[in-house]
Amino acid sequence: MARANPIDRFEFERVLWTQGVARVAGVDEAGRGPLAGPVVAAAAILPAKWAESGLPTNSEGLNDSKQLTAVQREKFFTFLTACPEVQFAIAQVWRRAD
């Protein structure tokens, strides 16, 4: 049975797209912070057509990294980085030793 009010996973993107923005990146970070490091940040641009067709079934449950288990994070990482339609970048920063 379908939910009565499904969550619009593209709510914020739709607003920007109507304003003429072509690419909207979702950004997330994980780590202990700049003093305890390292910190990893990533940005991903999902295909706009997914807003109409819906997210692929293997992305069900995609959410903020802090709300996912390690297994879920790895599953989504593997899917998103292997998908040729997804644009992404990853950066890692460590505190420099003085």
Protein backbone atom coordinates (compact mmCIF):
# COMPACT_ATOMS: atom_id res chain seq x y z
CA MET A 1 0.00 0.00 0.00
CA ALA A 2 1.40 3.43 -0.97
CA ARG A 3 1.86 6.15 1.62
CA ALA A 4 -0.82 8.85 1.66
CA ASN A 5 1.77 11.66 1.71
CA PRO A 6 5.05 10.42 0.25
CA ILE A 7 8.16 12.46 1.04
CA ASP A 8 9.28 14.65 -1.86
CA ARG A 9 13.02 13.90 -1.95
CA PHE A 10 13.46 16.75 -4.48
CA GLU A 11 11.52 19.47 -2.62
CA PHE A 12 14.44 21.93 -2.42
CA GLU A 13 15.78 21.14 -5.88
CA ARG A 14 12.39 21.85 -7.48
CA VAL A 15 12.39 25.38 -6.05
CA LEU A 16 15.83 26.07 -7.49
CA TRP A 17 15.04 24.45 -10.84
CA THR A 18 12.00 26.73 -11.25
CA GLN A 19 14.37 29.67 -10.69
CA GLY A 20 16.57 28.46 -13.57
CA VAL A 21 19.32 26.73 -11.59
CA ALA A 22 20.52 23.80 -13.71
CA ARG A 23 22.54 21.78 -11.18
CA VAL A 24 21.85 21.44 -7.47
CA ALA A 25 24.36 19.58 -5.31
CA GLY A 26 23.54 17.83 -2.07
CA VAL A 27 26.45 18.11 0.37
CA ASP A 28 27.30 16.10 3.47
CA GLU A 29 30.29 15.79 5.77
CA ALA A 30 31.47 13.22 8.24
CA GLY A 31 34.32 13.16 10.69
CA ARG A 32 35.53 14.38 14.04
CA GLY A 33 36.00 18.02 13.10
CA PRO A 34 38.90 20.20 12.07
CA LEU A 35 40.76 19.91 15.39
CA ALA A 36 40.43 16.15 15.76
CA GLY A 37 40.28 15.35 11.99
CA PRO A 38 40.06 13.90 9.48
CA VAL A 39 36.90 15.30 7.89
CA VAL A 40 35.42 13.97 4.67
CA ALA A 41 32.97 16.05 2.64
CA ALA A 42 31.11 15.01 -0.48
CA ALA A 43 28.77 16.65 -2.96
CA ALA A 44 26.47 14.84 -5.36
CA ILE A 45 24.24 16.02 -8.17
CA LEU A 46 21.45 13.58 -8.92
CA PRO A 47 19.82 13.51 -12.36
CA ALA A 48 16.87 15.91 -12.58
CA LYS A 49 14.86 13.21 -14.35
CA TRP A 50 14.81 11.25 -11.08
CA ALA A 51 12.50 13.94 -9.68
CA GLU A 52 9.87 12.83 -12.18
CA SER A 53 10.62 9.12 -12.49
CA GLY A 54 11.42 8.62 -8.81
CA LEU A 55 14.61 7.46 -7.17
CA PRO A 56 15.94 4.09 -8.31
CA THR A 57 14.80 1.28 -6.05
CA ASN A 58 18.34 0.60 -4.80
CA SER A 59 18.45 4.12 -3.34
CA GLU A 60 15.49 3.49 -1.03
CA GLY A 61 16.31 4.89 2.41
CA LEU A 62 19.01 7.30 1.21
CA ASN A 63 19.42 9.91 3.94
CA ASP A 64 21.95 11.96 5.90
CA SER A 65 25.06 9.85 6.56
CA LYS A 66 24.67 10.23 10.34
CA GLN A 67 21.28 8.53 10.14
CA LEU A 68 22.59 5.50 8.25
CA THR A 69 24.41 2.41 9.42
CA ALA A 70 27.91 1.71 8.12
CA VAL A 71 26.48 -1.01 5.87
CA GLN A 72 23.88 1.37 4.43
CA ARG A 73 26.49 4.09 3.84
CA GLU A 74 28.69 1.65 1.95
CA LYS A 75 25.74 0.41 -0.13
CA PHE A 76 24.75 3.96 -1.16
CA PHE A 77 28.38 4.96 -1.80
CA THR A 78 28.84 1.99 -4.12
CA PHE A 79 25.60 2.69 -5.98
CA LEU A 80 26.08 6.46 -6.35
CA THR A 81 29.74 6.37 -7.39
CA ALA A 82 29.05 3.63 -9.96
CA CYS A 83 26.02 5.35 -11.48
CA PRO A 84 27.12 7.26 -14.61
CA GLU A 85 24.21 9.71 -14.25
CA VAL A 86 25.37 10.94 -10.83
CA GLN A 87 28.00 13.67 -10.66
CA PHE A 88 30.01 13.74 -7.44
CA ALA A 89 33.14 14.94 -5.72
CA ILE A 90 34.82 13.84 -2.49
CA ALA A 91 37.36 15.74 -0.38
CA GLN A 92 39.24 14.74 2.75
CA VAL A 93 40.99 17.15 5.12
CA TRP A 94 43.36 16.47 8.02
CA ARG A 95 44.68 18.86 10.60
CA ARG A 96 48.27 19.72 9.78
CA ALA A 97 50.81 18.98 12.45
CA ASP A 98 52.57 22.15 13.59
